[in-house]
C-alpha atoms as a PDB file:
ATOM      1  CA  MET A   1      20.092 -11.890   0.915  1.00  0.00           C
ATOM      2  CA  GLN A   2      20.973 -10.342   4.254  1.00  0.00           C
ATOM      3  CA  LEU A   3      18.417 -10.599   7.061  1.00  0.00           C
ATOM      4  CA  ALA A   4      18.347  -7.717   9.541  1.00  0.00           C
ATOM      5  CA  HIS A   5      16.228  -7.766  12.684  1.00  0.00           C
ATOM      6  CA  THR A   6      17.844  -4.773  14.393  1.00  0.00           C
ATOM      7  CA  ILE A   7      18.739  -1.252  13.344  1.00  0.00           C
ATOM      8  CA  ALA A   8      22.422  -2.070  13.846  1.00  0.00           C
ATOM      9  CA  GLU A   9      22.118  -5.057  11.519  1.00  0.00           C
ATOM     10  CA  LEU A  10      20.267  -2.913   8.973  1.00  0.00           C
ATOM     11  CA  LYS A  11      22.987  -0.260   9.002  1.00  0.00           C
ATOM     12  CA  ALA A  12      25.643  -2.923   8.561  1.00  0.00           C
ATOM     13  CA  ALA A  13      23.754  -4.360   5.603  1.00  0.00           C
ATOM     14  CA  LEU A  14      23.268  -0.927   4.037  1.00  0.00           C
ATOM     15  CA  SER A  15      26.995  -0.330   4.197  1.00  0.00           C
ATOM     16  CA  GLN A  16      27.260  -2.766   1.284  1.00  0.00           C
ATOM     17  CA  ALA A  17      25.232  -0.381  -0.871  1.00  0.00           C
ATOM     18  CA  ASP A  18      27.646   2.424   0.004  1.00  0.00           C
ATOM     19  CA  ALA A  19      30.623   0.207  -0.782  1.00  0.00           C
ATOM     20  CA  ASP A  20      29.152  -0.676  -4.169  1.00  0.00           C
ATOM     21  CA  GLY A  21      28.119   2.913  -4.910  1.00  0.00           C
ATOM     22  CA  LYS A  22      24.514   1.866  -5.421  1.00  0.00           C
ATOM     23  CA  ARG A  23      21.343   3.809  -4.750  1.00  0.00           C
ATOM     24  CA  VAL A  24      18.828   2.211  -2.358  1.00  0.00           C
ATOM     25  CA  GLY A  25      15.353   1.129  -3.387  1.00  0.00           C
ATOM     26  CA  PHE A  26      12.808   0.378  -0.676  1.00  0.00           C
ATOM     27  CA  VAL A  27       9.606  -1.660  -0.516  1.00  0.00           C
ATOM     28  CA  ALA A  28       7.671  -1.432   2.779  1.00  0.00           C
ATOM     29  CA  THR A  29       5.338  -4.372   3.501  1.00  0.00           C
ATOM     30  CA  MET A  30       3.468  -6.018   6.350  1.00  0.00           C
ATOM     31  CA  GLY A  31       4.435  -9.446   5.051  1.00  0.00           C
ATOM     32  CA  ALA A  32       2.235 -12.282   3.749  1.00  0.00           C
ATOM     33  CA  LEU A  33       3.879 -11.488   0.443  1.00  0.00           C
ATOM     34  CA  HIS A  34       2.214 -12.100  -2.898  1.00  0.00           C
ATOM     35  CA  ALA A  35       2.844 -11.299  -6.564  1.00  0.00           C
ATOM     36  CA  GLY A  36       1.830  -7.685  -6.014  1.00  0.00           C
ATOM     37  CA  HIS A  37       4.673  -7.161  -3.553  1.00  0.00           C
ATOM     38  CA  LEU A  38       7.105  -8.955  -5.833  1.00  0.00           C
ATOM     39  CA  SER A  39       6.132  -6.672  -8.712  1.00  0.00           C
ATOM     40  CA  LEU A  40       7.401  -3.748  -6.606  1.00  0.00           C
ATOM     41  CA  VAL A  41      10.657  -5.613  -5.994  1.00  0.00           C
ATOM     42  CA  LYS A  42      11.008  -6.228  -9.726  1.00  0.00           C
ATOM     43  CA  LYS A  43      10.467  -2.535 -10.454  1.00  0.00           C
ATOM     44  CA  ALA A  44      13.255  -1.679  -8.045  1.00  0.00           C
ATOM     45  CA  GLN A  45      15.583  -4.269  -9.540  1.00  0.00           C
ATOM     46  CA  GLU A  46      14.921  -2.960 -13.049  1.00  0.00           C
ATOM     47  CA  GLN A  47      16.466   0.314 -11.890  1.00  0.00           C
ATOM     48  CA  GLU A  48      19.557  -1.563 -10.656  1.00  0.00           C
ATOM     49  CA  LEU A  49      19.005  -0.423  -7.086  1.00  0.00           C
ATOM     50  CA  PHE A  50      20.178  -2.027  -3.859  1.00  0.00           C
ATOM     51  CA  VAL A  51      16.795  -3.410  -2.803  1.00  0.00           C
ATOM     52  CA  VAL A  52      15.601  -3.386   0.809  1.00  0.00           C
ATOM     53  CA  VAL A  53      12.232  -4.918   1.733  1.00  0.00           C
ATOM     54  CA  SER A  54      10.756  -4.456   5.184  1.00  0.00           C
ATOM     55  CA  VAL A  55       8.310  -6.860   6.814  1.00  0.00           C
ATOM     56  CA  PHE A  56       6.643  -5.305   9.830  1.00  0.00           C
ATOM     57  CA  VAL A  57       3.033  -5.706  10.928  1.00  0.00           C
ATOM     58  CA  ASN A  58       2.409  -2.187  12.183  1.00  0.00           C
ATOM     59  CA  PRO A  59       0.075  -2.218  15.210  1.00  0.00           C
ATOM     60  CA  ARG A  60      -0.657   1.486  14.809  1.00  0.00           C
ATOM     61  CA  GLN A  61      -2.499   0.849  11.542  1.00  0.00           C
ATOM     62  CA  PHE A  62      -5.104  -1.365  13.202  1.00  0.00           C
ATOM     63  CA  GLY A  63      -8.175   0.094  14.860  1.00  0.00           C
ATOM     64  CA  GLN A  64     -10.698  -1.496  17.200  1.00  0.00           C
ATOM     65  CA  ASP A  65     -12.590  -3.026  14.290  1.00  0.00           C
ATOM     66  CA  ASP A  66      -9.424  -4.423  12.694  1.00  0.00           C
ATOM     67  CA  ASP A  67      -8.156  -7.758  13.970  1.00  0.00           C
ATOM     68  CA  LEU A  68      -4.414  -7.356  14.427  1.00  0.00           C
ATOM     69  CA  SER A  69      -4.120 -10.836  15.891  1.00  0.00           C
ATOM     70  CA  ASN A  70      -5.571 -12.420  12.738  1.00  0.00           C
ATOM     71  CA  TYR A  71      -3.321 -10.608  10.294  1.00  0.00           C
ATOM     72  CA  PRO A  72      -1.206 -13.298   8.546  1.00  0.00           C
ATOM     73  CA  ARG A  73       2.413 -13.555   9.665  1.00  0.00           C
ATOM     74  CA  THR A  74       4.542 -15.676   7.369  1.00  0.00           C
ATOM     75  CA  LEU A  75       8.075 -14.372   7.845  1.00  0.00           C
ATOM     76  CA  GLY A  76       9.758 -17.701   7.106  1.00  0.00           C
ATOM     77  CA  VAL A  77       7.937 -18.082   3.802  1.00  0.00           C
ATOM     78  CA  ASP A  78       8.418 -14.393   2.985  1.00  0.00           C
ATOM     79  CA  ALA A  79      12.168 -14.676   3.576  1.00  0.00           C
ATOM     80  CA  ARG A  80      12.467 -17.619   1.198  1.00  0.00           C
ATOM     81  CA  VAL A  81      10.442 -15.808  -1.466  1.00  0.00           C
ATOM     82  CA  LEU A  82      12.576 -12.686  -1.173  1.00  0.00           C
ATOM     83  CA  THR A  83      15.778 -14.729  -1.252  1.00  0.00           C
ATOM     84  CA  ASP A  84      14.627 -16.425  -4.454  1.00  0.00           C
ATOM     85  CA  SER A  85      13.731 -13.012  -5.869  1.00  0.00           C
ATOM     86  CA  GLY A  86      17.246 -11.697  -5.327  1.00  0.00           C
ATOM     87  CA  VAL A  87      16.431  -9.031  -2.741  1.00  0.00           C
ATOM     88  CA  ASP A  88      19.521  -7.576  -1.081  1.00  0.00           C
ATOM     89  CA  VAL A  89      18.182  -6.991   2.452  1.00  0.00           C
ATOM     90  CA  LEU A  90      15.108  -8.093   4.376  1.00  0.00           C
ATOM     91  CA  PHE A  91      14.506  -5.834   7.362  1.00  0.00           C
ATOM     92  CA  ALA A  92      12.185  -7.592   9.804  1.00  0.00           C
ATOM     93  CA  PRO A  93      12.309  -5.556  13.015  1.00  0.00           C
ATOM     94  CA  SER A  94      10.495  -5.998  16.303  1.00  0.00           C
ATOM     95  CA  SER A  95       8.066  -3.365  17.575  1.00  0.00           C
ATOM     96  CA  GLY A  96      10.719  -2.271  20.045  1.00  0.00           C
ATOM     97  CA  GLU A  97      13.144  -1.481  17.224  1.00  0.00           C
ATOM     98  CA  VAL A  98      10.573   0.505  15.253  1.00  0.00           C
ATOM     99  CA  TYR A  99       8.965   2.168  18.259  1.00  0.00           C
ATOM    100  CA  PRO A 100      11.518   2.845  20.990  1.00  0.00           C
ATOM    101  CA  THR A 101      10.321   4.549  24.147  1.00  0.00           C
ATOM    102  CA  SER A 102      11.275   7.972  22.785  1.00  0.00           C
ATOM    103  CA  GLY A 103      12.331   9.696  19.585  1.00  0.00           C
ATOM    104  CA  VAL A 104       9.587   8.536  17.212  1.00  0.00           C
ATOM    105  CA  VAL A 105       7.995  11.408  15.295  1.00  0.00           C
ATOM    106  CA  GLU A 106       4.216  11.122  15.172  1.00  0.00           C
ATOM    107  CA  ILE A 107       2.851  12.051  11.756  1.00  0.00           C
ATOM    108  CA  SER A 108      -0.699  13.302  11.215  1.00  0.00           C
ATOM    109  CA  ALA A 109      -2.467  12.519   7.964  1.00  0.00           C
ATOM    110  CA  GLY A 110      -4.569  15.677   8.317  1.00  0.00           C
ATOM    111  CA  ASP A 111      -7.995  16.108   6.760  1.00  0.00           C
ATOM    112  CA  LEU A 112      -7.366  13.601   3.962  1.00  0.00           C
ATOM    113  CA  GLY A 113      -6.557  10.990   6.585  1.00  0.00           C
ATOM    114  CA  ASN A 114     -10.130  11.216   7.862  1.00  0.00           C
ATOM    115  CA  LYS A 115     -11.790  10.565   4.490  1.00  0.00           C
ATOM    116  CA  PHE A 116     -12.604   7.334   2.676  1.00  0.00           C
ATOM    117  CA  GLU A 117     -10.353   4.688   4.256  1.00  0.00           C
ATOM    118  CA  GLY A 118      -9.653   7.051   7.118  1.00  0.00           C
ATOM    119  CA  ALA A 119     -13.353   7.468   7.850  1.00  0.00           C
ATOM    120  CA  SER A 120     -13.802   3.709   8.038  1.00  0.00           C
ATOM    121  CA  ARG A 121     -10.557   3.144   9.939  1.00  0.00           C
ATOM    122  CA  PRO A 122      -9.951   6.102  12.283  1.00  0.00           C
ATOM    123  CA  GLY A 123      -6.271   6.699  12.989  1.00  0.00           C
ATOM    124  CA  HIS A 124      -5.148   4.239  10.321  1.00  0.00           C
ATOM    125  CA  PHE A 125      -3.334   6.766   8.183  1.00  0.00           C
ATOM    126  CA  ASP A 126      -1.667   8.494  11.129  1.00  0.00           C
ATOM    127  CA  GLY A 127      -0.224   5.096  12.043  1.00  0.00           C
ATOM    128  CA  MET A 128       0.732   4.352   8.442  1.00  0.00           C
ATOM    129  CA  LEU A 129       2.548   7.646   7.927  1.00  0.00           C
ATOM    130  CA  THR A 130       4.288   7.387  11.282  1.00  0.00           C
ATOM    131  CA  VAL A 131       5.734   3.966  10.465  1.00  0.00           C
ATOM    132  CA  VAL A 132       6.611   4.863   6.864  1.00  0.00           C
ATOM    133  CA  ASN A 133       8.389   7.982   8.088  1.00  0.00           C
ATOM    134  CA  ARG A 134      10.233   5.909  10.676  1.00  0.00           C
ATOM    135  CA  LEU A 135      11.245   3.292   8.106  1.00  0.00           C
ATOM    136  CA  PHE A 136      12.380   5.986   5.682  1.00  0.00           C
ATOM    137  CA  ASN A 137      14.575   7.428   8.433  1.00  0.00           C
ATOM    138  CA  LEU A 138      16.122   4.013   9.090  1.00  0.00           C
ATOM    139  CA  VAL A 139      16.552   2.780   5.518  1.00  0.00           C
ATOM    140  CA  GLN A 140      17.347   6.183   3.940  1.00  0.00           C
ATOM    141  CA  PRO A 141      16.137   5.111   0.494  1.00  0.00           C
ATOM    142  CA  ASP A 142      16.671   7.035  -2.704  1.00  0.00           C
ATOM    143  CA  VAL A 143      13.560   5.497  -4.259  1.00  0.00           C
ATOM    144  CA  ALA A 144      10.489   3.906  -2.623  1.00  0.00           C
ATOM    145  CA  PHE A 145       7.899   1.768  -4.389  1.00  0.00           C
ATOM    146  CA  PHE A 146       4.200   1.595  -3.536  1.00  0.00           C
ATOM    147  CA  GLY A 147       1.289  -0.222  -5.165  1.00  0.00           C
ATOM    148  CA  SER A 148      -1.548   1.787  -6.686  1.00  0.00           C
ATOM    149  CA  LYS A 149      -4.189  -0.451  -5.091  1.00  0.00           C
ATOM    150  CA  ASP A 150      -3.695   1.538  -1.888  1.00  0.00           C
ATOM    151  CA  ALA A 151      -4.224   4.793  -3.746  1.00  0.00           C
ATOM    152  CA  GLN A 152      -5.014   6.957  -0.726  1.00  0.00           C
ATOM    153  CA  GLN A 153      -1.917   5.698   1.061  1.00  0.00           C
ATOM    154  CA  LEU A 154       0.169   6.509  -1.998  1.00  0.00           C
ATOM    155  CA  VAL A 155      -1.095  10.101  -2.149  1.00  0.00           C
ATOM    156  CA  LEU A 156      -0.534  10.629   1.586  1.00  0.00           C
ATOM    157  CA  VAL A 157       3.022   9.271   1.479  1.00  0.00           C
ATOM    158  CA  SER A 158       3.841  11.437  -1.551  1.00  0.00           C
ATOM    159  CA  GLN A 159       2.447  14.520   0.180  1.00  0.00           C
ATOM    160  CA  MET A 160       4.390  13.766   3.368  1.00  0.00           C
ATOM    161  CA  VAL A 161       7.688  13.456   1.524  1.00  0.00           C
ATOM    162  CA  LYS A 162       7.065  16.655  -0.453  1.00  0.00           C
ATOM    163  CA  ARG A 163       6.381  18.578   2.768  1.00  0.00           C
ATOM    164  CA  GLN A 164       9.478  17.190   4.458  1.00  0.00           C
ATOM    165  CA  VAL A 165      11.729  17.938   1.506  1.00  0.00           C
ATOM    166  CA  ALA A 166      10.335  21.472   1.198  1.00  0.00           C
ATOM    167  CA  SER A 167      10.986  22.133   4.900  1.00  0.00           C
ATOM    168  CA  GLY A 168      14.498  20.703   4.733  1.00  0.00           C
ATOM    169  CA  ASP A 169      13.647  17.815   7.057  1.00  0.00           C
ATOM    170  CA  ARG A 170      14.444  15.109   4.502  1.00  0.00           C
ATOM    171  CA  GLU A 171      16.572  14.440   1.467  1.00  0.00           C
ATOM    172  CA  PRO A 172      14.411  13.812  -1.625  1.00  0.00           C
ATOM    173  CA  ILE A 173      12.925  10.344  -2.028  1.00  0.00           C
ATOM    174  CA  LYS A 174      11.418   9.419  -5.367  1.00  0.00           C
ATOM    175  CA  ILE A 175       8.032   7.769  -4.784  1.00  0.00           C
ATOM    176  CA  VAL A 176       7.184   5.326  -7.573  1.00  0.00           C
ATOM    177  CA  ALA A 177       3.564   4.266  -8.070  1.00  0.00           C
ATOM    178  CA  CYS A 178       3.280   0.737  -9.452  1.00  0.00           C
ATOM    179  CA  ASP A 179       0.248  -0.725 -11.205  1.00  0.00           C
ATOM    180  CA  THR A 180      -2.162  -2.915  -9.258  1.00  0.00           C
ATOM    181  CA  VAL A 181      -1.526  -6.629  -9.789  1.00  0.00           C
ATOM    182  CA  ARG A 182      -4.622  -8.792 -10.247  1.00  0.00           C
ATOM    183  CA  ASP A 183      -5.387 -12.477 -10.419  1.00  0.00           C
ATOM    184  CA  GLN A 184      -6.768 -14.064 -13.587  1.00  0.00           C
ATOM    185  CA  GLN A 185     -10.303 -13.062 -12.625  1.00  0.00           C
ATOM    186  CA  GLY A 186      -9.431  -9.455 -11.926  1.00  0.00           C
ATOM    187  CA  LEU A 187      -9.310  -9.504  -8.118  1.00  0.00           C
ATOM    188  CA  ALA A 188      -6.685  -7.071  -6.847  1.00  0.00           C
ATOM    189  CA  LEU A 189      -4.053  -9.018  -4.950  1.00  0.00           C
ATOM    190  CA  SER A 190      -4.010  -8.403  -1.206  1.00  0.00           C
ATOM    191  CA  SER A 191      -2.781 -10.258   1.861  1.00  0.00           C
ATOM    192  CA  ARG A 192      -6.364 -10.097   3.103  1.00  0.00           C
ATOM    193  CA  ASN A 193      -7.538 -12.216   0.167  1.00  0.00           C
ATOM    194  CA  GLN A 194      -6.404 -15.275   2.108  1.00  0.00           C
ATOM    195  CA  ARG A 195      -9.369 -14.707   4.414  1.00  0.00           C
ATOM    196  CA  ILE A 196     -12.064 -14.637   1.701  1.00  0.00           C
ATOM    197  CA  ASP A 197     -14.423 -17.581   2.079  1.00  0.00           C
ATOM    198  CA  LYS A 198     -14.801 -19.692  -1.059  1.00  0.00           C
ATOM    199  CA  ALA A 199     -18.528 -18.995  -1.026  1.00  0.00           C
ATOM    200  CA  ASP A 200     -17.810 -15.272  -1.210  1.00  0.00           C
ATOM    201  CA  PHE A 201     -15.215 -15.317  -3.973  1.00  0.00           C
ATOM    202  CA  ALA A 202     -17.723 -14.589  -6.753  1.00  0.00           C
ATOM    203  CA  ALA A 203     -18.778 -11.485  -4.863  1.00  0.00           C
ATOM    204  CA  ALA A 204     -15.151 -10.414  -4.430  1.00  0.00           C
ATOM    205  CA  ILE A 205     -14.366 -10.529  -8.139  1.00  0.00           C
ATOM    206  CA  SER A 206     -17.450  -8.453  -8.923  1.00  0.00           C
ATOM    207  CA  ILE A 207     -15.650  -5.420  -7.445  1.00  0.00           C
ATOM    208  CA  ASN A 208     -13.258  -5.263 -10.370  1.00  0.00           C
ATOM    209  CA  ARG A 209     -16.127  -5.745 -12.834  1.00  0.00           C
ATOM    210  CA  ALA A 210     -17.916  -2.857 -11.157  1.00  0.00           C
ATOM    211  CA  LEU A 211     -14.959  -0.567 -11.726  1.00  0.00           C
ATOM    212  CA  PHE A 212     -14.731  -1.445 -15.397  1.00  0.00           C
ATOM    213  CA  ALA A 213     -18.478  -1.023 -15.835  1.00  0.00           C
ATOM    214  CA  GLY A 214     -18.165   2.458 -14.365  1.00  0.00           C
ATOM    215  CA  SER A 215     -15.173   3.281 -16.546  1.00  0.00           C
ATOM    216  CA  LYS A 216     -17.285   2.905 -19.718  1.00  0.00           C
ATOM    217  CA  GLN A 217     -19.605   5.751 -18.756  1.00  0.00           C
ATOM    218  CA  LYS A 218     -19.245   9.433 -19.646  1.00  0.00           C
ATOM    219  CA  THR A 219     -20.734  11.109 -16.571  1.00  0.00           C
ATOM    220  CA  LYS A 220     -20.066  10.678 -12.884  1.00  0.00           C
ATOM    221  CA  GLN A 221     -23.630   9.718 -12.027  1.00  0.00           C
ATOM    222  CA  ALA A 222     -23.759   7.126 -14.794  1.00  0.00           C
ATOM    223  CA  ALA A 223     -20.354   5.736 -13.795  1.00  0.00           C
ATOM    224  CA  ILE A 224     -21.340   5.234 -10.171  1.00  0.00           C
ATOM    225  CA  GLU A 225     -24.724   3.777 -11.038  1.00  0.00           C
ATOM    226  CA  ALA A 226     -23.175   1.335 -13.526  1.00  0.00           C
ATOM    227  CA  ALA A 227     -20.602   0.251 -10.987  1.00  0.00           C
ATOM    228  CA  LYS A 228     -23.187  -0.333  -8.275  1.00  0.00           C
ATOM    229  CA  ALA A 229     -25.350  -2.330 -10.680  1.00  0.00           C
ATOM    230  CA  GLU A 230     -22.431  -4.664 -11.429  1.00  0.00           C
ATOM    231  CA  LEU A 231     -21.631  -5.394  -7.770  1.00  0.00           C
ATOM    232  CA  ASP A 232     -22.678  -8.790  -6.481  1.00  0.00           C
ATOM    233  CA  PRO A 233     -25.604  -8.463  -4.019  1.00  0.00           C
ATOM    234  CA  LYS A 234     -23.447 -10.084  -1.341  1.00  0.00           C
ATOM    235  CA  CYS A 235     -21.086  -7.089  -1.399  1.00  0.00           C
ATOM    236  CA  ARG A 236     -21.801  -4.544   1.342  1.00  0.00           C
ATOM    237  CA  LEU A 237     -20.680  -1.267  -0.181  1.00  0.00           C
ATOM    238  CA  ASP A 238     -18.765   1.111   2.065  1.00  0.00           C
ATOM    239  CA  TYR A 239     -18.057   3.847  -0.471  1.00  0.00           C
ATOM    240  CA  ILE A 240     -17.650   4.484  -4.175  1.00  0.00           C
ATOM    241  CA  GLU A 241     -16.441   7.825  -5.522  1.00  0.00           C
ATOM    242  CA  LEU A 242     -14.479   9.616  -8.236  1.00  0.00           C
ATOM    243  CA  ILE A 243     -11.383  11.436  -7.052  1.00  0.00           C
ATOM    244  CA  ASN A 244      -8.432  13.415  -8.384  1.00  0.00           C
ATOM    245  CA  PRO A 245      -5.573  10.875  -8.588  1.00  0.00           C
ATOM    246  CA  ASP A 246      -2.992  13.384  -7.335  1.00  0.00           C
ATOM    247  CA  THR A 247      -4.884  14.961  -4.429  1.00  0.00           C
ATOM    248  CA  PHE A 248      -7.674  12.480  -3.638  1.00  0.00           C
ATOM    249  CA  GLU A 249     -10.171  15.325  -3.713  1.00  0.00           C
ATOM    250  CA  VAL A 250     -13.662  14.422  -4.960  1.00  0.00           C
ATOM    251  CA  VAL A 251     -14.290  15.419  -8.576  1.00  0.00           C
ATOM    252  CA  ASP A 252     -17.460  15.789 -10.669  1.00  0.00           C
ATOM    253  CA  SER A 253     -16.069  14.636 -14.006  1.00  0.00           C
ATOM    254  CA  CYS A 254     -14.908  11.240 -15.266  1.00  0.00           C
ATOM    255  CA  GLU A 255     -12.096  12.776 -17.276  1.00  0.00           C
ATOM    256  CA  GLY A 256      -8.763  11.954 -15.649  1.00  0.00           C
ATOM    257  CA  ALA A 257     -10.486  10.688 -12.492  1.00  0.00           C
ATOM    258  CA  ARG A 258      -9.817   7.604 -10.409  1.00  0.00           C
ATOM    259  CA  MET A 259     -12.796   5.565  -9.266  1.00  0.00           C
ATOM    260  CA  VAL A 260     -12.267   4.221  -5.741  1.00  0.00           C
ATOM    261  CA  ILE A 261     -14.343   1.594  -4.015  1.00  0.00           C
ATOM    262  CA  ALA A 262     -14.471  -0.269  -0.709  1.00  0.00           C
ATOM    263  CA  ALA A 263     -16.828  -3.103   0.139  1.00  0.00           C
ATOM    264  CA  TRP A 264     -17.237  -5.886   2.659  1.00  0.00           C
ATOM    265  CA  VAL A 265     -17.290  -9.411   1.272  1.00  0.00           C
ATOM    266  CA  GLY A 266     -18.270 -11.687   4.100  1.00  0.00           C
ATOM    267  CA  GLU A 267     -15.939 -10.755   6.956  1.00  0.00           C
ATOM    268  CA  VAL A 268     -13.273  -9.250   4.694  1.00  0.00           C
ATOM    269  CA  ARG A 269     -13.141  -5.609   3.677  1.00  0.00           C
ATOM    270  CA  LEU A 270     -11.686  -5.085   0.191  1.00  0.00           C
ATOM    271  CA  ILE A 271     -10.575  -1.936  -1.604  1.00  0.00           C
ATOM    272  CA  ASP A 272      -9.827  -1.323  -5.258  1.00  0.00           C
ATOM    273  CA  ASN A 273      -9.627   1.503  -7.749  1.00  0.00           C
ATOM    274  CA  LEU A 274      -9.285   2.221 -11.435  1.00  0.00           C
ATOM    275  CA  LEU A 275      -7.872   5.194 -13.272  1.00  0.00           C
ATOM    276  CA  LEU A 276     -10.564   6.033 -15.795  1.00  0.00           C
ATOM    277  CA  GLY A 277      -9.156   6.013 -19.287  1.00  0.00           C
ATOM    278  CA  GLY A 278      -5.902   4.359 -18.181  1.00  0.00           C
ATOM    279  CA  ASN A 279      -4.293   1.621 -16.109  1.00  0.00           C
ATOM    280  CA  SER A 280      -4.762   1.195 -12.378  1.00  0.00           C
END
């Protein structure tokens, strides 16, 4: 595996893909890697792509209520894991490389960026899209892989790429949605899970049970009520809703919908979702 900290090093590493005539697959992460991230890597490798993984804790995705300083940073461990997984390039840039003093295009998430996760974390999706756009410009991937746990992020990235391709601002990038990876008790894997107190773990795993309880119902009202009833009392619900999986617009029917949920468990805010009648 090649390790690139600078744009020049990244370009040099990517030249190997050109030399081998291989298409580039990209997985963007903020590090603290777990099996969910590695499932994205595996998906890319199954397509015989030249696989680039980025590790960059993006300060623009953290608001006043998010603790950027406490976000886990485990680059040494991440590098060993990615090496063992056969990744071709790890791009681990500094903030100065990603955000030079000029030339970075600021991306707005629009109205959808102010709903659900955006309502709870103002500016989060503007920061996410800005860094993803920047990383796409640097890596120039043919295919990019994102986990379905962050469903709103996935929709926003897909919409951004479609707009850019339609306007001629970008070559097409295929966005691949990958199923949520869960532990044996159903908890969706997340880097933030490291911060869940042992006393709160039972509450955390009730979120997944809530989704499945809701998925067994035939009406929206019944689905939401069943989900709420299954949540552990220690969970402080932020939102629960049924949305269109492709647009993230609120829907009134369970058919083809995705149930999305966010809740605080102790000091950790968790999100999850389930495609009703299918996989997550």
